Amino acid sequence: METVDLARLQFALTAGAHFLFVALTLGLVTLVVAVQTWATITGSPVHERMTRFWGQLYIINYAMGIVTGLVMEFQLGLSWSGLTEYAGNLFGAALALETLVAFFVESTFLGLWIFGWNKLNRWAHLAVIWVVALTAYASAFWILVSNGFLQNPVGYVVDGDRLRMTDFGALVANPAAQVAFFHVLGGAMIVGGVFMAGVSAYHLRRRSREQDFFRKSLRIGIAVALPATLFTATFGGLGFQTLQPAKAAAWTRDASGLAAAQAEMVAAHGPGDYLPPVAWVQAGGMTMMLAFAVLMFFYGGSFLLMLARPAAHGFRLWHWLLTATIPLPFVAMISGWIFREMGRQPWAVYGLLTTAEAMSPVTGGQVRFSLAAFVTVFAVLIVVNTWLLARTARRGPDAVALGDRPIDAPSPALTF
């Protein structure tokens, strides 16, 4: 493989892995906020225990996501210094805001939430997790503002050998970022809802003694996942209106559209191949749509089944299928990301800077070494995260340490 292909492969593997951590984090934090809000308002001990159980799973995944996110920052300087030098004044501004939100505000308030159990007033503790969730959304928003600029450059002028920002509002209002944000947010809700429903179904199928706990969790997960599929599909459809001409032509296999896009780019930038890989665009888009279709129909039927108490407690085949679908939204998310990013090639900044021009002056050997190192580290992190999530989920709410009170602590009713 060429050096640029190796660098692209490295970034694709690490960015894709990080993206999956983020999807589950966004989905779970929303569910934790909803459950804790209900527990705080009603004083329900079941929902308080649900908050602790699902909150501990959220924290495990969040911690691993932070580690993978730090690696992403290093890779921009390691392999893509040409991109940061040329367009860092624009997409770097959004990344800087994301860093301030994620690594300062979000992590600070998450620490308060973790260590504030049984210490903060119940309303203050609820407010803390709301701040965590809102800053998580803000973090995702600024990342997609940055990515949206790479997909559809706006708000800039060319200043010598680099770009200079002229309109920050245009950067934020970029349709390629706005539509993608809601599409990704909806996808994360599907990931979180399917994860909660699948874990709950596992315990219901095994007849664990926490039947009421997991029956309620099952209903919450399905009640979130089903409307989230409709929400995500809506913004996915709107997203097709923001596709670059070459990507749109590749998706529809429009030969005349591909030829027109190629001719336009050659006229503007000189000889070269400016078309995205049609097979990758097609495979990514079709896999995403197929996975969403399966989820939509399956969870449509599951919504009806969950209303029947006998089915919720005793329909083991349905429980097994719910657990088996846990990986499906991850497949949909990663295939959608492939569709979005492969369709932009060969551009790092569409129509302005090619991927080859965005690379750092590194050798093939250096990229091979960093590729092997990063892939090894990420593989270990994914295995450890999966093991920790599965172990914690399998052990159930009685083994949760988050928010556990000392033996001589007063009851929640008194502390609240």
Protein backbone atom coordinates (compact mmCIF):
# COMPACT_ATOMS: atom_id res chain seq x y z
CA MET A 1 0.00 0.00 0.00
CA GLU A 2 1.07 3.59 -0.63
CA THR A 3 2.06 5.64 2.41
CA VAL A 4 -1.08 7.79 2.10
CA ASP A 5 -3.25 4.67 2.01
CA LEU A 6 -1.59 3.33 5.15
CA ALA A 7 -2.17 6.65 6.91
CA ARG A 8 -5.81 6.65 5.83
CA LEU A 9 -6.22 3.07 7.04
CA GLN A 10 -4.71 3.96 10.40
CA PHE A 11 -7.00 6.93 10.89
CA ALA A 12 -10.05 4.99 9.68
CA LEU A 13 -9.50 2.16 12.15
CA THR A 14 -8.82 4.38 15.15
CA ALA A 15 -11.50 6.98 14.32
CA GLY A 16 -14.05 4.24 13.66
CA ALA A 17 -13.30 2.53 16.97
CA HIS A 18 -13.54 5.83 18.85
CA PHE A 19 -16.83 6.61 17.10
CA LEU A 20 -18.39 3.42 18.47
CA PHE A 21 -17.38 4.33 22.04
CA VAL A 22 -18.91 7.78 21.58
CA ALA A 23 -22.20 6.39 20.22
CA LEU A 24 -22.77 4.19 23.26
CA THR A 25 -21.69 6.99 25.63
CA LEU A 26 -24.19 9.46 24.15
CA GLY A 27 -26.98 6.93 24.20
CA LEU A 28 -26.39 5.71 27.75
CA VAL A 29 -25.98 9.16 29.30
CA THR A 30 -29.37 10.16 27.88
CA LEU A 31 -31.02 7.08 29.38
CA VAL A 32 -29.29 7.64 32.73
CA VAL A 33 -30.54 11.24 32.80
CA ALA A 34 -34.10 10.11 32.07
CA VAL A 35 -34.06 7.40 34.74
CA GLN A 36 -32.45 9.58 37.40
CA THR A 37 -34.89 12.41 36.68
CA TRP A 38 -37.81 10.05 37.28
CA ALA A 39 -36.16 8.63 40.41
CA THR A 40 -35.56 12.11 41.81
CA ILE A 41 -39.11 13.31 41.15
CA THR A 42 -40.90 10.19 42.39
CA GLY A 43 -38.42 8.80 44.93
CA SER A 44 -38.70 5.38 43.26
CA PRO A 45 -36.04 3.04 44.73
CA VAL A 46 -36.16 0.83 41.62
CA HIS A 47 -35.29 3.75 39.34
CA GLU A 48 -32.59 4.89 41.76
CA ARG A 49 -30.99 1.44 41.46
CA MET A 50 -31.44 1.58 37.69
CA THR A 51 -29.58 4.89 37.62
CA ARG A 52 -26.65 3.34 39.46
CA PHE A 53 -26.56 0.16 37.35
CA TRP A 54 -26.78 1.80 33.92
CA GLY A 55 -24.65 4.68 35.16
CA GLN A 56 -21.80 2.34 36.01
CA LEU A 57 -21.92 0.84 32.50
CA TYR A 58 -21.88 4.38 31.10
CA ILE A 59 -18.80 5.30 33.15
CA ILE A 60 -16.87 2.23 31.98
CA ASN A 61 -17.54 3.08 28.34
CA TYR A 62 -16.86 6.80 28.88
CA ALA A 63 -13.43 6.11 30.36
CA MET A 64 -12.39 3.97 27.40
CA GLY A 65 -13.76 6.55 24.99
CA ILE A 66 -11.62 9.28 26.54
CA VAL A 67 -8.47 7.22 26.03
CA THR A 68 -9.26 6.59 22.36
CA GLY A 69 -10.18 10.24 21.87
CA LEU A 70 -6.75 11.37 23.08
CA VAL A 71 -5.14 9.15 20.46
CA MET A 72 -7.18 10.88 17.77
CA GLU A 73 -5.72 14.25 18.77
CA PHE A 74 -2.18 12.90 18.50
CA GLN A 75 -2.83 11.50 15.02
CA LEU A 76 -3.70 14.91 13.58
CA GLY A 77 -0.17 16.09 14.30
CA LEU A 78 1.47 12.77 13.56
CA SER A 79 0.04 12.00 10.14
CA TRP A 80 -1.98 15.01 8.97
CA SER A 81 0.05 18.14 9.64
CA GLY A 82 -0.66 19.34 6.10
CA LEU A 83 -4.36 19.50 7.00
CA THR A 84 -3.77 21.38 10.26
CA GLU A 85 -1.42 23.88 8.57
CA TYR A 86 -3.80 24.53 5.68
CA ALA A 87 -7.22 24.50 7.38
CA GLY A 88 -6.46 24.48 11.11
CA ASN A 89 -7.77 28.04 11.49
CA LEU A 90 -11.25 26.74 10.65
CA PHE A 91 -11.79 23.14 11.61
CA GLY A 92 -9.31 23.53 14.47
CA ALA A 93 -11.48 26.21 16.08
CA ALA A 94 -14.36 23.74 16.44
CA LEU A 95 -11.98 21.08 17.78
CA ALA A 96 -10.67 23.53 20.38
CA LEU A 97 -14.22 24.24 21.58
CA GLU A 98 -14.91 20.50 21.75
CA THR A 99 -11.79 20.01 23.87
CA LEU A 100 -12.86 22.75 26.30
CA VAL A 101 -16.32 21.24 26.61
CA ALA A 102 -15.30 17.58 26.88
CA PHE A 103 -12.11 17.70 28.87
CA PHE A 104 -12.98 20.52 31.24
CA VAL A 105 -16.71 20.95 31.73
CA GLU A 106 -18.00 17.43 30.99
CA SER A 107 -15.27 15.56 32.84
CA THR A 108 -15.46 17.91 35.86
CA PHE A 109 -19.20 17.48 36.26
CA LEU A 110 -18.95 13.74 35.65
CA GLY A 111 -16.51 13.57 38.55
CA LEU A 112 -18.99 15.48 40.71
CA TRP A 113 -21.72 13.03 39.72
CA ILE A 114 -19.61 9.94 40.45
CA PHE A 115 -18.34 11.12 43.84
CA GLY A 116 -21.40 13.17 44.77
CA TRP A 117 -23.68 10.23 45.49
CA ASN A 118 -25.09 10.51 49.04
CA LYS A 119 -23.21 13.80 49.47
CA LEU A 120 -24.96 16.28 47.17
CA ASN A 121 -28.59 17.25 47.53
CA ARG A 122 -30.68 15.03 45.21
CA TRP A 123 -31.66 17.98 42.99
CA ALA A 124 -28.08 19.20 42.79
CA HIS A 125 -26.94 15.69 41.91
CA LEU A 126 -29.58 15.51 39.17
CA ALA A 127 -28.49 18.90 37.82
CA VAL A 128 -24.93 17.62 37.60
CA ILE A 129 -25.83 14.68 35.33
CA TRP A 130 -27.92 17.01 33.17
CA VAL A 131 -24.83 19.18 32.67
CA VAL A 132 -22.83 16.06 31.78
CA ALA A 133 -25.39 15.05 29.15
CA LEU A 134 -25.70 18.53 27.64
CA THR A 135 -21.93 18.94 27.38
CA ALA A 136 -21.71 15.49 25.78
CA TYR A 137 -24.14 16.71 23.11
CA ALA A 138 -22.14 19.93 22.75
CA SER A 139 -18.95 17.94 22.32
CA ALA A 140 -20.53 15.87 19.55
CA PHE A 141 -21.87 19.04 17.94
CA TRP A 142 -18.46 20.71 17.70
CA ILE A 143 -16.88 17.55 16.31
CA LEU A 144 -19.49 17.48 13.57
CA VAL A 145 -19.04 21.19 12.90
CA SER A 146 -15.38 20.39 12.29
CA ASN A 147 -16.21 17.41 10.11
CA GLY A 148 -18.92 19.37 8.31
CA PHE A 149 -16.34 21.92 7.21
CA LEU A 150 -14.22 19.15 5.70
CA GLN A 151 -17.30 17.88 3.85
CA ASN A 152 -18.60 21.30 2.76
CA PRO A 153 -16.09 24.17 3.27
CA VAL A 154 -17.81 27.45 4.19
CA GLY A 155 -16.94 30.69 5.99
CA TYR A 156 -13.36 31.07 4.69
CA VAL A 157 -11.07 32.86 2.27
CA VAL A 158 -7.80 31.58 0.84
CA ASP A 159 -4.94 33.54 2.44
CA GLY A 160 -1.73 32.54 0.67
CA ASP A 161 -1.04 28.88 1.32
CA ARG A 162 -3.73 28.44 3.97
CA LEU A 163 -7.36 29.20 4.77
CA ARG A 164 -8.54 32.01 7.02
CA MET A 165 -11.91 32.14 8.78
CA THR A 166 -14.24 34.96 7.76
CA ASP A 167 -17.63 33.79 9.05
CA PHE A 168 -17.84 31.66 12.20
CA GLY A 169 -21.63 31.68 11.96
CA ALA A 170 -21.51 30.04 8.53
CA LEU A 171 -19.20 27.37 9.96
CA VAL A 172 -21.70 26.59 12.74
CA ALA A 173 -24.79 26.78 10.47
CA ASN A 174 -23.22 24.53 7.82
CA PRO A 175 -25.99 22.13 6.64
CA ALA A 176 -23.42 19.32 6.36
CA ALA A 177 -22.83 19.68 10.11
CA GLN A 178 -26.35 20.47 11.35
CA VAL A 179 -28.09 17.55 9.65
CA ALA A 180 -25.27 15.15 10.53
CA PHE A 181 -25.45 16.14 14.22
CA PHE A 182 -29.10 15.15 14.56
CA HIS A 183 -28.56 12.03 12.48
CA VAL A 184 -25.68 10.91 14.73
CA LEU A 185 -27.58 11.88 17.88
CA GLY A 186 -30.53 9.74 16.79
CA GLY A 187 -28.17 6.86 16.00
CA ALA A 188 -26.66 7.13 19.47
CA MET A 189 -30.15 6.92 21.00
CA ILE A 190 -30.69 3.69 19.05
CA VAL A 191 -27.37 2.30 20.32
CA GLY A 192 -28.23 3.15 23.92
CA GLY A 193 -31.81 1.89 23.73
CA VAL A 194 -30.88 -1.38 22.03
CA PHE A 195 -28.06 -1.92 24.53
CA MET A 196 -30.40 -1.39 27.50
CA ALA A 197 -33.10 -3.61 26.00
CA GLY A 198 -30.62 -6.34 25.09
CA VAL A 199 -28.98 -6.49 28.52
CA SER A 200 -32.39 -6.47 30.21
CA ALA A 201 -33.60 -9.27 27.93
CA TYR A 202 -30.54 -11.33 28.88
CA HIS A 203 -31.50 -11.19 32.55
CA LEU A 204 -35.19 -11.82 31.86
CA ARG A 205 -34.30 -14.86 29.74
CA ARG A 206 -32.12 -16.25 32.53
CA ARG A 207 -34.88 -15.67 35.09
CA SER A 208 -32.73 -13.54 37.35
CA ARG A 209 -34.40 -12.42 40.56
CA GLU A 210 -34.45 -8.77 39.41
CA GLN A 211 -37.48 -9.29 37.16
CA ASP A 212 -39.20 -5.99 37.92
CA PHE A 213 -35.94 -4.07 37.54
CA PHE A 214 -35.15 -5.48 34.10
CA ARG A 215 -38.74 -5.49 32.86
CA LYS A 216 -38.85 -1.73 33.40
CA SER A 217 -35.41 -1.28 31.85
CA LEU A 218 -36.51 -3.34 28.85
CA ARG A 219 -39.49 -1.10 28.28
CA ILE A 220 -37.39 2.06 28.56
CA GLY A 221 -34.83 0.73 26.07
CA ILE A 222 -37.46 -0.25 23.49
CA ALA A 223 -39.44 2.96 24.04
CA VAL A 224 -36.29 4.95 23.20
CA ALA A 225 -34.96 2.77 20.37
CA LEU A 226 -38.11 2.69 18.22
CA PRO A 227 -38.76 6.46 17.87
CA ALA A 228 -35.01 6.99 17.55
CA THR A 229 -34.96 4.86 14.39
CA LEU A 230 -37.66 7.06 12.86
CA PHE A 231 -35.85 10.23 13.96
CA THR A 232 -32.54 8.99 12.56
CA ALA A 233 -34.05 7.90 9.26
CA THR A 234 -35.65 11.34 8.85
CA PHE A 235 -32.37 13.22 9.24
CA GLY A 236 -30.59 10.59 7.17
CA GLY A 237 -32.96 11.39 4.33
CA LEU A 238 -32.29 15.11 4.78
CA GLY A 239 -28.58 14.32 4.73
CA PHE A 240 -28.81 13.04 1.17
CA GLN A 241 -29.64 16.60 0.13
CA THR A 242 -26.21 17.76 1.38
CA LEU A 243 -24.13 15.14 -0.49
CA GLN A 244 -21.30 16.27 -2.74
CA PRO A 245 -22.07 15.69 -6.45
CA ALA A 246 -19.48 12.93 -6.79
CA LYS A 247 -20.73 11.09 -3.69
CA ALA A 248 -24.35 11.36 -4.83
CA ALA A 249 -23.41 9.98 -8.24
CA ALA A 250 -21.41 7.15 -6.67
CA TRP A 251 -24.36 6.23 -4.44
CA THR A 252 -26.79 6.07 -7.38
CA ARG A 253 -24.19 4.61 -9.78
CA ASP A 254 -24.93 7.50 -12.12
CA ALA A 255 -22.24 7.19 -14.80
CA SER A 256 -23.05 10.55 -16.37
CA GLY A 257 -23.05 12.21 -12.94
CA LEU A 258 -19.65 10.70 -12.13
CA ALA A 259 -18.27 11.86 -15.46
CA ALA A 260 -19.62 15.38 -14.91
CA ALA A 261 -18.15 15.57 -11.40
CA GLN A 262 -14.77 14.34 -12.67
CA ALA A 263 -14.76 16.83 -15.54
CA GLU A 264 -15.62 19.70 -13.19
CA MET A 265 -12.79 18.81 -10.81
CA VAL A 266 -10.27 18.39 -13.65
CA ALA A 267 -11.23 21.81 -15.00
CA ALA A 268 -10.73 23.37 -11.57
CA HIS A 269 -7.69 21.45 -10.29
CA GLY A 270 -5.95 19.88 -13.26
CA PRO A 271 -5.51 16.23 -14.22
CA GLY A 272 -6.20 13.57 -11.60
CA ASP A 273 -8.73 11.06 -10.34
CA TYR A 274 -11.30 12.95 -8.25
CA LEU A 275 -13.96 10.26 -7.92
CA PRO A 276 -14.71 8.42 -4.66
CA PRO A 277 -14.51 4.60 -4.52
CA VAL A 278 -17.97 3.62 -5.74
CA ALA A 279 -17.88 0.13 -4.19
CA TRP A 280 -17.11 1.48 -0.71
CA VAL A 281 -19.81 4.17 -0.96
CA GLN A 282 -22.37 1.62 -2.12
CA ALA A 283 -21.42 -0.98 0.50
CA GLY A 284 -21.44 1.53 3.36
CA GLY A 285 -24.78 3.05 2.41
CA MET A 286 -26.55 -0.25 1.75
CA THR A 287 -25.29 -1.84 4.98
CA MET A 288 -26.42 1.18 6.98
CA MET A 289 -29.89 1.15 5.45
CA LEU A 290 -30.33 -2.60 5.81
CA ALA A 291 -29.33 -2.51 9.49
CA PHE A 292 -31.71 0.38 10.17
CA ALA A 293 -34.55 -1.38 8.36
CA VAL A 294 -34.09 -4.54 10.46
CA LEU A 295 -34.00 -2.48 13.65
CA MET A 296 -37.07 -0.47 12.71
CA PHE A 297 -39.25 -3.49 11.92
CA PHE A 298 -37.97 -5.61 14.80
CA TYR A 299 -38.41 -2.88 17.39
CA GLY A 300 -41.80 -1.98 15.97
CA GLY A 301 -42.96 -5.49 16.86
CA SER A 302 -41.03 -5.40 20.14
CA PHE A 303 -42.89 -2.25 21.17
CA LEU A 304 -46.17 -4.19 21.00
CA LEU A 305 -44.74 -7.22 22.79
CA MET A 306 -43.35 -5.19 25.68
CA LEU A 307 -46.86 -4.00 26.55
CA ALA A 308 -47.87 -7.57 27.40
CA ARG A 309 -46.51 -8.53 30.81
CA PRO A 310 -46.44 -12.31 30.04
CA ALA A 311 -44.31 -11.68 26.94
CA ALA A 312 -41.98 -9.33 28.81
CA HIS A 313 -41.39 -12.00 31.47
CA GLY A 314 -41.58 -15.26 29.56
CA PHE A 315 -41.00 -14.95 25.80
CA ARG A 316 -37.47 -16.38 25.74
CA LEU A 317 -37.01 -16.42 21.95
CA TRP A 318 -37.82 -12.71 21.85
CA HIS A 319 -35.39 -12.10 24.74
CA TRP A 320 -32.66 -13.93 22.87
CA LEU A 321 -33.29 -11.90 19.70
CA LEU A 322 -33.20 -8.65 21.67
CA THR A 323 -29.80 -9.56 23.08
CA ALA A 324 -28.56 -10.71 19.67
CA THR A 325 -29.41 -7.32 18.11
CA ILE A 326 -27.04 -5.38 20.41
CA PRO A 327 -24.27 -5.25 17.75
CA LEU A 328 -26.65 -4.21 14.95
CA PRO A 329 -26.81 -0.44 15.64
CA PHE A 330 -23.01 -0.40 15.93
CA VAL A 331 -22.85 -1.95 12.45
CA ALA A 332 -25.26 0.70 11.18
CA MET A 333 -23.25 3.53 12.75
CA ILE A 334 -19.88 2.42 11.41
CA SER A 335 -21.22 1.69 7.92
CA GLY A 336 -22.85 5.13 7.83
CA TRP A 337 -19.53 6.68 8.83
CA ILE A 338 -17.80 4.77 6.02
CA PHE A 339 -20.43 6.05 3.57
CA ARG A 340 -19.87 9.64 4.71
CA GLU A 341 -16.08 9.62 4.77
CA MET A 342 -15.28 7.40 1.78
CA GLY A 343 -17.63 9.48 -0.34
CA ARG A 344 -15.47 12.55 0.36
CA GLN A 345 -12.31 10.97 -1.06
CA PRO A 346 -9.86 11.88 -2.47
CA TRP A 347 -10.34 15.16 -0.60
CA ALA A 348 -9.38 15.99 2.97
CA VAL A 349 -11.11 19.38 2.55
CA TYR A 350 -13.58 18.89 -0.27
CA GLY A 351 -12.52 20.69 -3.42
CA LEU A 352 -9.59 22.42 -1.70
CA LEU A 353 -7.04 20.00 -0.25
CA THR A 354 -6.49 16.37 -1.25
CA THR A 355 -5.74 13.64 1.26
CA ALA A 356 -2.26 13.21 -0.19
CA GLU A 357 -1.56 16.93 0.28
CA ALA A 358 -2.86 16.77 3.86
CA MET A 359 -0.30 14.18 4.94
CA SER A 360 2.71 14.84 7.13
CA PRO A 361 6.18 14.27 5.63
CA VAL A 362 6.49 10.77 7.08
CA THR A 363 7.94 7.59 5.60
CA GLY A 364 6.12 4.37 4.88
CA GLY A 365 8.04 2.63 7.65
CA GLN A 366 7.00 5.23 10.21
CA VAL A 367 3.36 4.91 9.23
CA ARG A 368 3.55 1.10 9.37
CA PHE A 369 5.01 1.25 12.87
CA SER A 370 2.39 3.70 14.15
CA LEU A 371 -0.36 1.70 12.42
CA ALA A 372 0.71 -1.49 14.17
CA ALA A 373 1.05 0.29 17.52
CA PHE A 374 -2.30 2.09 17.35
CA VAL A 375 -4.22 -0.93 16.08
CA THR A 376 -2.76 -3.06 18.88
CA VAL A 377 -3.64 -0.51 21.55
CA PHE A 378 -7.15 -0.01 20.20
CA ALA A 379 -7.75 -3.75 19.91
CA VAL A 380 -6.78 -4.17 23.56
CA LEU A 381 -9.01 -1.28 24.61
CA ILE A 382 -12.00 -2.69 22.69
CA VAL A 383 -11.51 -6.15 24.20
CA VAL A 384 -11.12 -4.75 27.73
CA ASN A 385 -14.13 -2.46 27.33
CA THR A 386 -16.31 -5.28 25.99
CA TRP A 387 -15.20 -7.59 28.80
CA LEU A 388 -15.85 -4.98 31.50
CA LEU A 389 -19.26 -4.07 30.09
CA ALA A 390 -20.29 -7.71 29.73
CA ARG A 391 -19.01 -8.62 33.20
CA THR A 392 -20.77 -5.68 34.88
CA ALA A 393 -23.99 -6.23 32.93
CA ARG A 394 -24.02 -9.97 33.67
CA ARG A 395 -23.49 -9.48 37.43
CA GLY A 396 -26.54 -7.24 37.71
CA PRO A 397 -27.43 -4.30 39.95
CA ASP A 398 -26.46 -5.95 43.25
CA ALA A 399 -22.76 -5.85 42.30
CA VAL A 400 -22.73 -2.14 41.38
CA ALA A 401 -20.34 0.04 43.37
CA LEU A 402 -21.48 3.41 41.98
CA GLY A 403 -23.38 5.34 44.63
CA ASP A 404 -23.19 2.49 47.13
CA ARG A 405 -23.81 3.73 50.67
CA PRO A 406 -21.90 2.67 53.76
CA ILE A 407 -23.72 0.13 55.91
CA ASP A 408 -24.53 2.72 58.55
CA ALA A 409 -25.70 5.34 56.07
CA PRO A 410 -29.27 6.66 56.39
CA SER A 411 -31.89 5.65 53.86
CA PRO A 412 -32.28 7.58 50.57
CA ALA A 413 -35.62 8.92 51.75
CA LEU A 414 -33.90 10.71 54.63
CA THR A 415 -30.88 11.97 52.69
CA PHE A 416 -33.09 13.35 49.94
